[in-house]
PDB file of all heavy atoms in Angstrom:
ATOM      1  N   PRO A   1       0.808  -1.222   0.000  1.00  0.00           N
ATOM      2  CA  PRO A   1       0.000   0.000   0.000  1.00  0.00           C
ATOM      3  C   PRO A   1       0.842   1.272   0.000  1.00  0.00           C
ATOM      4  O   PRO A   1       2.026   1.264   0.344  1.00  0.00           O
ATOM      5  CB  PRO A   1      -0.813  -0.117   1.296  1.00  0.00           C
ATOM      6  CG  PRO A   1       0.036  -0.960   2.190  1.00  0.00           C
ATOM      7  CD  PRO A   1       0.738  -1.933   1.284  1.00  0.00           C
ATOM      8  N   ILE A   2       0.206   2.347  -0.369  1.00  0.00           N
ATOM      9  CA  ILE A   2       0.840   3.662  -0.323  1.00  0.00           C
ATOM     10  C   ILE A   2       1.035   4.045   1.142  1.00  0.00           C
ATOM     11  O   ILE A   2       0.113   3.973   1.951  1.00  0.00           O
ATOM     12  CB  ILE A   2      -0.032   4.712  -1.036  1.00  0.00           C
ATOM     13  CG1 ILE A   2      -0.199   4.353  -2.518  1.00  0.00           C
ATOM     14  CG2 ILE A   2       0.566   6.109  -0.894  1.00  0.00           C
ATOM     15  CD1 ILE A   2      -1.221   5.213  -3.242  1.00  0.00           C
ATOM     16  N   ARG A   3       2.239   4.435   1.482  1.00  0.00           N
ATOM     17  CA  ARG A   3       2.538   4.889   2.841  1.00  0.00           C
ATOM     18  C   ARG A   3       2.721   6.399   2.920  1.00  0.00           C
ATOM     19  O   ARG A   3       2.454   7.014   3.950  1.00  0.00           O
ATOM     20  CB  ARG A   3       3.812   4.202   3.347  1.00  0.00           C
ATOM     21  CG  ARG A   3       3.754   2.679   3.360  1.00  0.00           C
ATOM     22  CD  ARG A   3       2.714   2.155   4.310  1.00  0.00           C
ATOM     23  NE  ARG A   3       2.781   0.693   4.413  1.00  0.00           N
ATOM     24  CZ  ARG A   3       1.896  -0.036   5.102  1.00  0.00           C
ATOM     25  NH1 ARG A   3       0.903   0.552   5.719  1.00  0.00           N
ATOM     26  NH2 ARG A   3       2.031  -1.353   5.144  1.00  0.00           N
ATOM     27  N   ARG A   4       3.207   6.970   1.817  1.00  0.00           N
ATOM     28  CA  ARG A   4       3.488   8.408   1.831  1.00  0.00           C
ATOM     29  C   ARG A   4       3.629   8.917   0.411  1.00  0.00           C
ATOM     30  O   ARG A   4       4.203   8.232  -0.440  1.00  0.00           O
ATOM     31  CB  ARG A   4       4.780   8.681   2.617  1.00  0.00           C
ATOM     32  CG  ARG A   4       5.151  10.147   2.728  1.00  0.00           C
ATOM     33  CD  ARG A   4       6.462  10.298   3.478  1.00  0.00           C
ATOM     34  NE  ARG A   4       6.887  11.693   3.549  1.00  0.00           N
ATOM     35  CZ  ARG A   4       8.029  12.106   4.062  1.00  0.00           C
ATOM     36  NH1 ARG A   4       8.887  11.214   4.531  1.00  0.00           N
ATOM     37  NH2 ARG A   4       8.345  13.381   4.090  1.00  0.00           N
ATOM     38  N   LEU A   5       3.111  10.111   0.150  1.00  0.00           N
ATOM     39  CA  LEU A   5       3.294  10.783  -1.132  1.00  0.00           C
ATOM     40  C   LEU A   5       4.354  11.871  -0.986  1.00  0.00           C
ATOM     41  O   LEU A   5       4.455  12.518   0.054  1.00  0.00           O
ATOM     42  CB  LEU A   5       1.994  11.423  -1.611  1.00  0.00           C
ATOM     43  CG  LEU A   5       0.844  10.504  -2.024  1.00  0.00           C
ATOM     44  CD1 LEU A   5      -0.291  11.341  -2.611  1.00  0.00           C
ATOM     45  CD2 LEU A   5       1.294   9.470  -3.025  1.00  0.00           C
ATOM     46  N   PHE A   6       5.123  12.073  -2.053  1.00  0.00           N
ATOM     47  CA  PHE A   6       6.123  13.141  -2.085  1.00  0.00           C
ATOM     48  C   PHE A   6       5.704  14.161  -3.135  1.00  0.00           C
ATOM     49  O   PHE A   6       5.333  13.800  -4.266  1.00  0.00           O
ATOM     50  CB  PHE A   6       7.501  12.573  -2.430  1.00  0.00           C
ATOM     51  CG  PHE A   6       8.027  11.601  -1.412  1.00  0.00           C
ATOM     52  CD1 PHE A   6       7.744  10.246  -1.527  1.00  0.00           C
ATOM     53  CD2 PHE A   6       8.785  12.040  -0.335  1.00  0.00           C
ATOM     54  CE1 PHE A   6       8.226   9.348  -0.595  1.00  0.00           C
ATOM     55  CE2 PHE A   6       9.272  11.146   0.601  1.00  0.00           C
ATOM     56  CZ  PHE A   6       8.988   9.792   0.480  1.00  0.00           C
ATOM     57  N   LEU A   7       5.781  15.435  -2.771  1.00  0.00           N
ATOM     58  CA  LEU A   7       5.407  16.512  -3.684  1.00  0.00           C
ATOM     59  C   LEU A   7       6.514  17.557  -3.677  1.00  0.00           C
ATOM     60  O   LEU A   7       6.947  18.013  -2.615  1.00  0.00           O
ATOM     61  CB  LEU A   7       4.083  17.142  -3.246  1.00  0.00           C
ATOM     62  CG  LEU A   7       3.376  18.045  -4.257  1.00  0.00           C
ATOM     63  CD1 LEU A   7       2.908  17.220  -5.458  1.00  0.00           C
ATOM     64  CD2 LEU A   7       2.181  18.737  -3.613  1.00  0.00           C
ATOM     65  N   GLU A   8       7.003  17.927  -4.881  1.00  0.00           N
ATOM     66  CA  GLU A   8       8.082  18.903  -4.969  1.00  0.00           C
ATOM     67  C   GLU A   8       7.943  19.727  -6.236  1.00  0.00           C
ATOM     68  O   GLU A   8       7.308  19.308  -7.212  1.00  0.00           O
ATOM     69  CB  GLU A   8       9.437  18.204  -4.945  1.00  0.00           C
ATOM     70  CG  GLU A   8       9.630  17.179  -6.045  1.00  0.00           C
ATOM     71  CD  GLU A   8      10.962  16.464  -5.934  1.00  0.00           C
ATOM     72  OE1 GLU A   8      11.976  17.142  -5.695  1.00  0.00           O
ATOM     73  OE2 GLU A   8      10.983  15.232  -6.099  1.00  0.00           O
ATOM     74  N   GLN A   9       8.557  20.926  -6.212  1.00  0.00           N
ATOM     75  CA  GLN A   9       8.553  21.814  -7.368  1.00  0.00           C
ATOM     76  C   GLN A   9       9.940  21.847  -7.991  1.00  0.00           C
ATOM     77  O   GLN A   9      10.948  21.639  -7.314  1.00  0.00           O
ATOM     78  CB  GLN A   9       8.187  23.244  -6.959  1.00  0.00           C
ATOM     79  CG  GLN A   9       6.776  23.425  -6.451  1.00  0.00           C
ATOM     80  CD  GLN A   9       6.478  24.900  -6.225  1.00  0.00           C
ATOM     81  OE1 GLN A   9       6.130  25.610  -7.158  1.00  0.00           O
ATOM     82  NE2 GLN A   9       6.645  25.341  -4.986  1.00  0.00           N
ATOM     83  N   SER A  10       9.968  22.125  -9.285  1.00  0.00           N
ATOM     84  CA  SER A  10      11.244  22.296  -9.975  1.00  0.00           C
ATOM     85  C   SER A  10      11.031  23.217 -11.163  1.00  0.00           C
ATOM     86  O   SER A  10       9.905  23.456 -11.592  1.00  0.00           O
ATOM     87  CB  SER A  10      11.794  20.938 -10.436  1.00  0.00           C
ATOM     88  OG  SER A  10      10.927  20.352 -11.387  1.00  0.00           O
ATOM     89  N   ARG A  11      12.138  23.729 -11.697  1.00  0.00           N
ATOM     90  CA  ARG A  11      12.081  24.592 -12.886  1.00  0.00           C
ATOM     91  C   ARG A  11      12.983  23.984 -13.951  1.00  0.00           C
ATOM     92  O   ARG A  11      14.189  23.828 -13.741  1.00  0.00           O
ATOM     93  CB  ARG A  11      12.531  26.003 -12.551  1.00  0.00           C
ATOM     94  CG  ARG A  11      12.501  26.954 -13.753  1.00  0.00           C
ATOM     95  CD  ARG A  11      13.031  28.307 -13.368  1.00  0.00           C
ATOM     96  NE  ARG A  11      12.156  28.982 -12.431  1.00  0.00           N
ATOM     97  CZ  ARG A  11      11.120  29.743 -12.804  1.00  0.00           C
ATOM     98  NH1 ARG A  11      10.844  29.906 -14.098  1.00  0.00           N
ATOM     99  NH2 ARG A  11      10.392  30.352 -11.907  1.00  0.00           N
ATOM    100  N   LEU A  12      12.403  23.598 -15.073  1.00  0.00           N
ATOM    101  CA  LEU A  12      13.139  22.998 -16.170  1.00  0.00           C
ATOM    102  C   LEU A  12      12.781  23.700 -17.471  1.00  0.00           C
ATOM    103  O   LEU A  12      11.595  23.929 -17.751  1.00  0.00           O
ATOM    104  CB  LEU A  12      12.809  21.501 -16.286  1.00  0.00           C
ATOM    105  CG  LEU A  12      13.234  20.609 -15.103  1.00  0.00           C
ATOM    106  CD1 LEU A  12      12.681  19.204 -15.301  1.00  0.00           C
ATOM    107  CD2 LEU A  12      14.752  20.566 -15.001  1.00  0.00           C
ATOM    108  N   SER A  13      13.806  24.034 -18.266  1.00  0.00           N
ATOM    109  CA  SER A  13      13.605  24.611 -19.608  1.00  0.00           C
ATOM    110  C   SER A  13      12.683  25.826 -19.575  1.00  0.00           C
ATOM    111  O   SER A  13      11.854  26.026 -20.466  1.00  0.00           O
ATOM    112  CB  SER A  13      13.040  23.556 -20.557  1.00  0.00           C
ATOM    113  OG  SER A  13      13.905  22.430 -20.615  1.00  0.00           O
ATOM    114  N   GLY A  14      12.787  26.606 -18.518  1.00  0.00           N
ATOM    115  CA  GLY A  14      12.042  27.852 -18.484  1.00  0.00           C
ATOM    116  C   GLY A  14      10.629  27.749 -17.952  1.00  0.00           C
ATOM    117  O   GLY A  14       9.911  28.752 -17.941  1.00  0.00           O
ATOM    118  N   TYR A  15      10.196  26.596 -17.526  1.00  0.00           N
ATOM    119  CA  TYR A  15       8.852  26.501 -16.951  1.00  0.00           C
ATOM    120  C   TYR A  15       8.923  25.743 -15.626  1.00  0.00           C
ATOM    121  O   TYR A  15       9.855  24.994 -15.358  1.00  0.00           O
ATOM    122  CB  TYR A  15       7.881  25.815 -17.917  1.00  0.00           C
ATOM    123  CG  TYR A  15       8.224  24.388 -18.234  1.00  0.00           C
ATOM    124  CD1 TYR A  15       7.806  23.339 -17.400  1.00  0.00           C
ATOM    125  CD2 TYR A  15       8.949  24.060 -19.384  1.00  0.00           C
ATOM    126  CE1 TYR A  15       8.114  22.025 -17.695  1.00  0.00           C
ATOM    127  CE2 TYR A  15       9.273  22.751 -19.677  1.00  0.00           C
ATOM    128  CZ  TYR A  15       8.839  21.735 -18.840  1.00  0.00           C
ATOM    129  OH  TYR A  15       9.153  20.431 -19.127  1.00  0.00           O
ATOM    130  N   GLU A  16       7.922  25.974 -14.806  1.00  0.00           N
ATOM    131  CA  GLU A  16       7.855  25.328 -13.507  1.00  0.00           C
ATOM    132  C   GLU A  16       6.948  24.101 -13.576  1.00  0.00           C
ATOM    133  O   GLU A  16       5.920  24.122 -14.269  1.00  0.00           O
ATOM    134  CB  GLU A  16       7.332  26.308 -12.452  1.00  0.00           C
ATOM    135  CG  GLU A  16       8.292  27.446 -12.138  1.00  0.00           C
ATOM    136  CD  GLU A  16       7.767  28.319 -11.013  1.00  0.00           C
ATOM    137  OE1 GLU A  16       6.536  28.455 -10.908  1.00  0.00           O
ATOM    138  OE2 GLU A  16       8.593  28.855 -10.247  1.00  0.00           O
ATOM    139  N   GLU A  17       7.329  23.076 -12.849  1.00  0.00           N
ATOM    140  CA  GLU A  17       6.502  21.881 -12.794  1.00  0.00           C
ATOM    141  C   GLU A  17       6.438  21.366 -11.367  1.00  0.00           C
ATOM    142  O   GLU A  17       7.280  21.689 -10.512  1.00  0.00           O
ATOM    143  CB  GLU A  17       7.021  20.787 -13.717  1.00  0.00           C
ATOM    144  CG  GLU A  17       8.327  20.164 -13.292  1.00  0.00           C
ATOM    145  CD  GLU A  17       8.715  18.963 -14.149  1.00  0.00           C
ATOM    146  OE1 GLU A  17       8.088  18.764 -15.205  1.00  0.00           O
ATOM    147  OE2 GLU A  17       9.639  18.236 -13.743  1.00  0.00           O
ATOM    148  N   ILE A  18       5.424  20.554 -11.117  1.00  0.00           N
ATOM    149  CA  ILE A  18       5.228  19.912  -9.825  1.00  0.00           C
ATOM    150  C   ILE A  18       5.322  18.409 -10.041  1.00  0.00           C
ATOM    151  O   ILE A  18       4.723  17.872 -10.985  1.00  0.00           O
ATOM    152  CB  ILE A  18       3.851  20.260  -9.224  1.00  0.00           C
ATOM    153  CG1 ILE A  18       3.644  21.771  -9.199  1.00  0.00           C
ATOM    154  CG2 ILE A  18       3.698  19.675  -7.821  1.00  0.00           C
ATOM    155  CD1 ILE A  18       2.227  22.171  -8.848  1.00  0.00           C
ATOM    156  N   LYS A  19       6.084  17.742  -9.172  1.00  0.00           N
ATOM    157  CA  LYS A  19       6.204  16.285  -9.266  1.00  0.00           C
ATOM    158  C   LYS A  19       5.582  15.638  -8.041  1.00  0.00           C
ATOM    159  O   LYS A  19       5.913  15.977  -6.915  1.00  0.00           O
ATOM    160  CB  LYS A  19       7.670  15.852  -9.387  1.00  0.00           C
ATOM    161  CG  LYS A  19       7.815  14.340  -9.589  1.00  0.00           C
ATOM    162  CD  LYS A  19       9.260  13.915  -9.797  1.00  0.00           C
ATOM    163  CE  LYS A  19      10.028  13.894  -8.493  1.00  0.00           C
ATOM    164  NZ  LYS A  19      11.361  13.241  -8.639  1.00  0.00           N
ATOM    165  N   CYS A  20       4.695  14.694  -8.309  1.00  0.00           N
ATOM    166  CA  CYS A  20       4.044  13.913  -7.265  1.00  0.00           C
ATOM    167  C   CYS A  20       4.523  12.468  -7.426  1.00  0.00           C
ATOM    168  O   CYS A  20       4.407  11.890  -8.514  1.00  0.00           O
ATOM    169  CB  CYS A  20       2.529  14.006  -7.417  1.00  0.00           C
ATOM    170  SG  CYS A  20       1.573  13.103  -6.184  1.00  0.00           S
ATOM    171  N   SER A  21       5.086  11.875  -6.369  1.00  0.00           N
ATOM    172  CA  SER A  21       5.681  10.555  -6.525  1.00  0.00           C
ATOM    173  C   SER A  21       5.423   9.669  -5.312  1.00  0.00           C
ATOM    174  O   SER A  21       5.118  10.142  -4.211  1.00  0.00           O
ATOM    175  CB  SER A  21       7.192  10.674  -6.766  1.00  0.00           C
ATOM    176  OG  SER A  21       7.825  11.290  -5.664  1.00  0.00           O
ATOM    177  N   VAL A  22       5.563   8.362  -5.537  1.00  0.00           N
ATOM    178  CA  VAL A  22       5.418   7.363  -4.488  1.00  0.00           C
ATOM    179  C   VAL A  22       6.366   6.210  -4.822  1.00  0.00           C
ATOM    180  O   VAL A  22       6.645   5.950  -5.996  1.00  0.00           O
ATOM    181  CB  VAL A  22       3.956   6.881  -4.370  1.00  0.00           C
ATOM    182  CG1 VAL A  22       3.529   6.117  -5.623  1.00  0.00           C
ATOM    183  CG2 VAL A  22       3.752   6.009  -3.137  1.00  0.00           C
ATOM    184  N   GLN A  23       6.849   5.533  -3.795  1.00  0.00           N
ATOM    185  CA  GLN A  23       7.818   4.454  -3.996  1.00  0.00           C
ATOM    186  C   GLN A  23       7.329   3.148  -3.385  1.00  0.00           C
ATOM    187  O   GLN A  23       6.600   3.140  -2.391  1.00  0.00           O
ATOM    188  CB  GLN A  23       9.172   4.827  -3.371  1.00  0.00           C
ATOM    189  CG  GLN A  23       9.815   6.046  -3.985  1.00  0.00           C
ATOM    190  CD  GLN A  23      11.145   6.382  -3.317  1.00  0.00           C
ATOM    191  OE1 GLN A  23      11.595   5.694  -2.414  1.00  0.00           O
ATOM    192  NE2 GLN A  23      11.774   7.459  -3.781  1.00  0.00           N
ATOM    193  N   ASP A  24       7.768   2.044  -4.010  1.00  0.00           N
ATOM    194  CA  ASP A  24       7.559   0.688  -3.477  1.00  0.00           C
ATOM    195  C   ASP A  24       6.093   0.397  -3.196  1.00  0.00           C
ATOM    196  O   ASP A  24       5.683   0.082  -2.068  1.00  0.00           O
ATOM    197  CB  ASP A  24       8.389   0.477  -2.211  1.00  0.00           C
ATOM    198  CG  ASP A  24       9.877   0.553  -2.493  1.00  0.00           C
ATOM    199  OD1 ASP A  24      10.283   0.173  -3.610  1.00  0.00           O
ATOM    200  OD2 ASP A  24      10.626   0.990  -1.608  1.00  0.00           O
ATOM    201  N   VAL A  25       5.269   0.474  -4.245  1.00  0.00           N
ATOM    202  CA  VAL A  25       3.844   0.172  -4.121  1.00  0.00           C
ATOM    203  C   VAL A  25       3.456  -0.922  -5.112  1.00  0.00           C
ATOM    204  O   VAL A  25       4.148  -1.163  -6.109  1.00  0.00           O
ATOM    205  CB  VAL A  25       2.971   1.424  -4.359  1.00  0.00           C
ATOM    206  CG1 VAL A  25       3.223   2.467  -3.297  1.00  0.00           C
ATOM    207  CG2 VAL A  25       3.220   1.999  -5.754  1.00  0.00           C
ATOM    208  N   PHE A  26       2.358  -1.588  -4.810  1.00  0.00           N
ATOM    209  CA  PHE A  26       1.775  -2.557  -5.737  1.00  0.00           C
ATOM    210  C   PHE A  26       0.314  -2.776  -5.341  1.00  0.00           C
ATOM    211  O   PHE A  26       0.024  -2.904  -4.155  1.00  0.00           O
ATOM    212  CB  PHE A  26       2.507  -3.907  -5.694  1.00  0.00           C
ATOM    213  CG  PHE A  26       2.010  -4.845  -6.769  1.00  0.00           C
ATOM    214  CD1 PHE A  26       2.607  -4.848  -8.019  1.00  0.00           C
ATOM    215  CD2 PHE A  26       0.926  -5.675  -6.544  1.00  0.00           C
ATOM    216  CE1 PHE A  26       2.125  -5.674  -9.029  1.00  0.00           C
ATOM    217  CE2 PHE A  26       0.444  -6.493  -7.544  1.00  0.00           C
ATOM    218  CZ  PHE A  26       1.046  -6.498  -8.780  1.00  0.00           C
ATOM    219  N   PRO A  27      -0.570  -2.828  -6.345  1.00  0.00           N
ATOM    220  CA  PRO A  27      -0.344  -2.527  -7.768  1.00  0.00           C
ATOM    221  C   PRO A  27      -0.119  -1.034  -7.969  1.00  0.00           C
ATOM    222  O   PRO A  27      -0.385  -0.245  -7.062  1.00  0.00           O
ATOM    223  CB  PRO A  27      -1.641  -3.003  -8.425  1.00  0.00           C
ATOM    224  CG  PRO A  27      -2.673  -2.862  -7.350  1.00  0.00           C
ATOM    225  CD  PRO A  27      -1.981  -3.192  -6.069  1.00  0.00           C
ATOM    226  N   PRO A  28       0.367  -0.629  -9.148  1.00  0.00           N
ATOM    227  CA  PRO A  28       0.577   0.803  -9.370  1.00  0.00           C
ATOM    228  C   PRO A  28      -0.744   1.558  -9.261  1.00  0.00           C
ATOM    229  O   PRO A  28      -1.762   1.106  -9.787  1.00  0.00           O
ATOM    230  CB  PRO A  28       1.153   0.860 -10.793  1.00  0.00           C
ATOM    231  CG  PRO A  28       0.785  -0.443 -11.423  1.00  0.00           C
ATOM    232  CD  PRO A  28       0.737  -1.442 -10.315  1.00  0.00           C
ATOM    233  N   PRO A  29      -0.764   2.677  -8.558  1.00  0.00           N
ATOM    234  CA  PRO A  29      -2.018   3.398  -8.336  1.00  0.00           C
ATOM    235  C   PRO A  29      -2.455   4.205  -9.556  1.00  0.00           C
ATOM    236  O   PRO A  29      -1.684   4.444 -10.481  1.00  0.00           O
ATOM    237  CB  PRO A  29      -1.667   4.327  -7.169  1.00  0.00           C
ATOM    238  CG  PRO A  29      -0.206   4.587  -7.357  1.00  0.00           C
ATOM    239  CD  PRO A  29       0.378   3.311  -7.887  1.00  0.00           C
ATOM    240  N   ARG A  30      -3.694   4.627  -9.508  1.00  0.00           N
ATOM    241  CA  ARG A  30      -4.227   5.544 -10.523  1.00  0.00           C
ATOM    242  C   ARG A  30      -3.970   6.971 -10.052  1.00  0.00           C
ATOM    243  O   ARG A  30      -4.279   7.324  -8.910  1.00  0.00           O
ATOM    244  CB  ARG A  30      -5.726   5.308 -10.717  1.00  0.00           C
ATOM    245  CG  ARG A  30      -6.375   6.181 -11.782  1.00  0.00           C
ATOM    246  CD  ARG A  30      -7.780   5.680 -12.081  1.00  0.00           C
ATOM    247  NE  ARG A  30      -8.615   5.700 -10.888  1.00  0.00           N
ATOM    248  CZ  ARG A  30      -9.373   6.732 -10.514  1.00  0.00           C
ATOM    249  NH1 ARG A  30      -9.380   7.845 -11.243  1.00  0.00           N
ATOM    250  NH2 ARG A  30     -10.119   6.650  -9.442  1.00  0.00           N
ATOM    251  N   VAL A  31      -3.387   7.791 -10.929  1.00  0.00           N
ATOM    252  CA  VAL A  31      -2.998   9.149 -10.558  1.00  0.00           C
ATOM    253  C   VAL A  31      -3.910  10.151 -11.257  1.00  0.00           C
ATOM    254  O   VAL A  31      -4.117  10.081 -12.474  1.00  0.00           O
ATOM    255  CB  VAL A  31      -1.530   9.437 -10.934  1.00  0.00           C
ATOM    256  CG1 VAL A  31      -1.108  10.815 -10.426  1.00  0.00           C
ATOM    257  CG2 VAL A  31      -0.615   8.351 -10.372  1.00  0.00           C
ATOM    258  N   THR A  32      -4.453  11.092 -10.493  1.00  0.00           N
ATOM    259  CA  THR A  32      -5.271  12.165 -11.060  1.00  0.00           C
ATOM    260  C   THR A  32      -4.834  13.500 -10.466  1.00  0.00           C
ATOM    261  O   THR A  32      -4.349  13.567  -9.329  1.00  0.00           O
ATOM    262  CB  THR A  32      -6.774  11.946 -10.786  1.00  0.00           C
ATOM    263  OG1 THR A  32      -6.989  11.813  -9.373  1.00  0.00           O
ATOM    264  CG2 THR A  32      -7.270  10.691 -11.479  1.00  0.00           C
ATOM    265  N   TRP A  33      -5.015  14.546 -11.257  1.00  0.00           N
ATOM    266  CA  TRP A  33      -4.674  15.897 -10.823  1.00  0.00           C
ATOM    267  C   TRP A  33      -5.907  16.789 -10.897  1.00  0.00           C
ATOM    268  O   TRP A  33      -6.791  16.588 -11.728  1.00  0.00           O
ATOM    269  CB  TRP A  33      -3.587  16.503 -11.701  1.00  0.00           C
ATOM    270  CG  TRP A  33      -2.202  15.966 -11.502  1.00  0.00           C
ATOM    271  CD1 TRP A  33      -1.651  14.862 -12.077  1.00  0.00           C
ATOM    272  CD2 TRP A  33      -1.192  16.516 -10.648  1.00  0.00           C
ATOM    273  NE1 TRP A  33      -0.366  14.688 -11.655  1.00  0.00           N
ATOM    274  CE2 TRP A  33      -0.041  15.680 -10.772  1.00  0.00           C
ATOM    275  CE3 TRP A  33      -1.118  17.631  -9.799  1.00  0.00           C
ATOM    276  CZ2 TRP A  33       1.147  15.939 -10.095  1.00  0.00           C
ATOM    277  CZ3 TRP A  33       0.061  17.883  -9.121  1.00  0.00           C
ATOM    278  CH2 TRP A  33       1.166  17.044  -9.266  1.00  0.00           C
ATOM    279  N   ALA A  34      -5.930  17.786 -10.031  1.00  0.00           N
ATOM    280  CA  ALA A  34      -7.017  18.769 -10.051  1.00  0.00           C
ATOM    281  C   ALA A  34      -6.472  20.084  -9.498  1.00  0.00           C
ATOM    282  O   ALA A  34      -5.357  20.137  -8.951  1.00  0.00           O
ATOM    283  CB  ALA A  34      -8.209  18.284  -9.234  1.00  0.00           C
ATOM    284  N   THR A  35      -7.247  21.130  -9.637  1.00  0.00           N
ATOM    285  CA  THR A  35      -6.885  22.422  -9.055  1.00  0.00           C
ATOM    286  C   THR A  35      -8.050  22.959  -8.239  1.00  0.00           C
ATOM    287  O   THR A  35      -9.202  22.569  -8.429  1.00  0.00           O
ATOM    288  CB  THR A  35      -6.519  23.454 -10.140  1.00  0.00           C
ATOM    289  OG1 THR A  35      -7.670  23.667 -10.986  1.00  0.00           O
ATOM    290  CG2 THR A  35      -5.339  22.991 -10.967  1.00  0.00           C
ATOM    291  N   GLU A  36      -7.712  23.829  -7.321  1.00  0.00           N
ATOM    292  CA  GLU A  36      -8.740  24.513  -6.536  1.00  0.00           C
ATOM    293  C   GLU A  36      -8.413  26.008  -6.522  1.00  0.00           C
ATOM    294  O   GLU A  36      -7.334  26.389  -6.047  1.00  0.00           O
ATOM    295  CB  GLU A  36      -8.762  23.957  -5.109  1.00  0.00           C
ATOM    296  CG  GLU A  36      -9.861  24.519  -4.242  1.00  0.00           C
ATOM    297  CD  GLU A  36     -11.237  24.187  -4.800  1.00  0.00           C
ATOM    298  OE1 GLU A  36     -11.455  23.047  -5.227  1.00  0.00           O
ATOM    299  OE2 GLU A  36     -12.094  25.106  -4.785  1.00  0.00           O
ATOM    300  N   PRO A  37      -9.269  26.882  -7.055  1.00  0.00           N
ATOM    301  CA  PRO A  37     -10.542  26.512  -7.684  1.00  0.00           C
ATOM    302  C   PRO A  37     -10.324  25.764  -8.996  1.00  0.00           C
ATOM    303  O   PRO A  37      -9.239  25.830  -9.573  1.00  0.00           O
ATOM    304  CB  PRO A  37     -11.201  27.878  -7.929  1.00  0.00           C
ATOM    305  CG  PRO A  37     -10.058  28.836  -8.051  1.00  0.00           C
ATOM    306  CD  PRO A  37      -9.018  28.334  -7.110  1.00  0.00           C
ATOM    307  N   PRO A  38     -11.356  25.071  -9.472  1.00  0.00           N
ATOM    308  CA  PRO A  38     -11.223  24.302 -10.714  1.00  0.00           C
ATOM    309  C   PRO A  38     -10.915  25.221 -11.898  1.00  0.00           C
ATOM    310  O   PRO A  38     -11.329  26.372 -11.937  1.00  0.00           O
ATOM    311  CB  PRO A  38     -12.595  23.631 -10.868  1.00  0.00           C
ATOM    312  CG  PRO A  38     -13.183  23.636  -9.502  1.00  0.00           C
ATOM    313  CD  PRO A  38     -12.673  24.887  -8.835  1.00  0.00           C
ATOM    314  N   THR A  39     -10.158  24.692 -12.847  1.00  0.00           N
ATOM    315  CA  THR A  39      -9.836  25.426 -14.063  1.00  0.00           C
ATOM    316  C   THR A  39     -10.299  24.622 -15.264  1.00  0.00           C
ATOM    317  O   THR A  39     -10.356  23.387 -15.223  1.00  0.00           O
ATOM    318  CB  THR A  39      -8.332  25.683 -14.164  1.00  0.00           C
ATOM    319  OG1 THR A  39      -8.066  26.349 -15.407  1.00  0.00           O
ATOM    320  CG2 THR A  39      -7.542  24.394 -14.098  1.00  0.00           C
ATOM    321  N   PHE A  40     -10.644  25.334 -16.321  1.00  0.00           N
ATOM    322  CA  PHE A  40     -11.110  24.656 -17.530  1.00  0.00           C
ATOM    323  C   PHE A  40      -9.947  24.279 -18.455  1.00  0.00           C
ATOM    324  O   PHE A  40     -10.148  23.651 -19.487  1.00  0.00           O
ATOM    325  CB  PHE A  40     -12.107  25.547 -18.280  1.00  0.00           C
ATOM    326  CG  PHE A  40     -13.379  25.754 -17.528  1.00  0.00           C
ATOM    327  CD1 PHE A  40     -13.618  26.959 -16.864  1.00  0.00           C
ATOM    328  CD2 PHE A  40     -14.332  24.754 -17.447  1.00  0.00           C
ATOM    329  CE1 PHE A  40     -14.795  27.155 -16.166  1.00  0.00           C
ATOM    330  CE2 PHE A  40     -15.515  24.937 -16.745  1.00  0.00           C
ATOM    331  CZ  PHE A  40     -15.747  26.143 -16.096  1.00  0.00           C
ATOM    332  N   GLU A  41      -8.731  24.644 -18.087  1.00  0.00           N
ATOM    333  CA  GLU A  41      -7.583  24.300 -18.918  1.00  0.00           C
ATOM    334  C   GLU A  41      -7.208  22.832 -18.735  1.00  0.00           C
ATOM    335  O   GLU A  41      -7.376  22.253 -17.665  1.00  0.00           O
ATOM    336  CB  GLU A  41      -6.392  25.193 -18.569  1.00  0.00           C
ATOM    337  CG  GLU A  41      -6.583  26.650 -18.942  1.00  0.00           C
ATOM    338  CD  GLU A  41      -5.280  27.413 -18.867  1.00  0.00           C
ATOM    339  OE1 GLU A  41      -4.243  26.847 -19.277  1.00  0.00           O
ATOM    340  OE2 GLU A  41      -5.296  28.575 -18.409  1.00  0.00           O
ATOM    341  N   ASP A  42      -6.694  22.243 -19.818  1.00  0.00           N
ATOM    342  CA  ASP A  42      -6.244  20.848 -19.778  1.00  0.00           C
ATOM    343  C   ASP A  42      -4.923  20.779 -19.028  1.00  0.00           C
ATOM    344  O   ASP A  42      -3.947  21.428 -19.404  1.00  0.00           O
ATOM    345  CB  ASP A  42      -6.083  20.336 -21.213  1.00  0.00           C
ATOM    346  CG  ASP A  42      -5.830  18.838 -21.245  1.00  0.00           C
ATOM    347  OD1 ASP A  42      -5.769  18.211 -20.166  1.00  0.00           O
ATOM    348  OD2 ASP A  42      -5.700  18.285 -22.358  1.00  0.00           O
ATOM    349  N   LEU A  43      -4.864  19.979 -17.939  1.00  0.00           N
ATOM    350  CA  LEU A  43      -3.668  19.948 -17.103  1.00  0.00           C
ATOM    351  C   LEU A  43      -2.523  19.142 -17.733  1.00  0.00           C
ATOM    352  O   LEU A  43      -1.361  19.461 -17.550  1.00  0.00           O
ATOM    353  CB  LEU A  43      -4.018  19.377 -15.723  1.00  0.00           C
ATOM    354  CG  LEU A  43      -5.014  20.224 -14.914  1.00  0.00           C
ATOM    355  CD1 LEU A  43      -5.294  19.550 -13.574  1.00  0.00           C
ATOM    356  CD2 LEU A  43      -4.500  21.646 -14.702  1.00  0.00           C
ATOM    357  N   ARG A  44      -2.811  18.085 -18.424  1.00  0.00           N
ATOM    358  CA  ARG A  44      -1.837  17.279 -19.162  1.00  0.00           C
ATOM    359  C   ARG A  44      -0.633  16.815 -18.323  1.00  0.00           C
ATOM    360  O   ARG A  44       0.519  17.137 -18.654  1.00  0.00           O
ATOM    361  CB  ARG A  44      -1.345  18.051 -20.387  1.00  0.00           C
ATOM    362  CG  ARG A  44      -2.434  18.348 -21.395  1.00  0.00           C
ATOM    363  CD  ARG A  44      -1.869  19.021 -22.626  1.00  0.00           C
ATOM    364  NE  ARG A  44      -2.904  19.325 -23.598  1.00  0.00           N
ATOM    365  CZ  ARG A  44      -2.694  19.922 -24.769  1.00  0.00           C
ATOM    366  NH1 ARG A  44      -1.449  20.282 -25.106  1.00  0.00           N
ATOM    367  NH2 ARG A  44      -3.692  20.144 -25.597  1.00  0.00           N
ATOM    368  N   PRO A  45      -0.831  16.079 -17.271  1.00  0.00           N
ATOM    369  CA  PRO A  45       0.313  15.537 -16.525  1.00  0.00           C
ATOM    370  C   PRO A  45       0.973  14.403 -17.306  1.00  0.00           C
ATOM    371  O   PRO A  45       0.357  13.767 -18.168  1.00  0.00           O
ATOM    372  CB  PRO A  45      -0.331  15.018 -15.235  1.00  0.00           C
ATOM    373  CG  PRO A  45      -1.727  14.668 -15.641  1.00  0.00           C
ATOM    374  CD  PRO A  45      -2.125  15.689 -16.677  1.00  0.00           C
TER     375      PRO A  45
END
């Protein structure tokens, strides 16, 4: 099972990104992203 999520920011090639990660899990989980407030733009993770 998932024990802990890791969330970090980075800047690559002139843009900022957020990385959400988990280690040593099975089966691999389903990952979804959202914003608050909701946005109509496609997030494309």
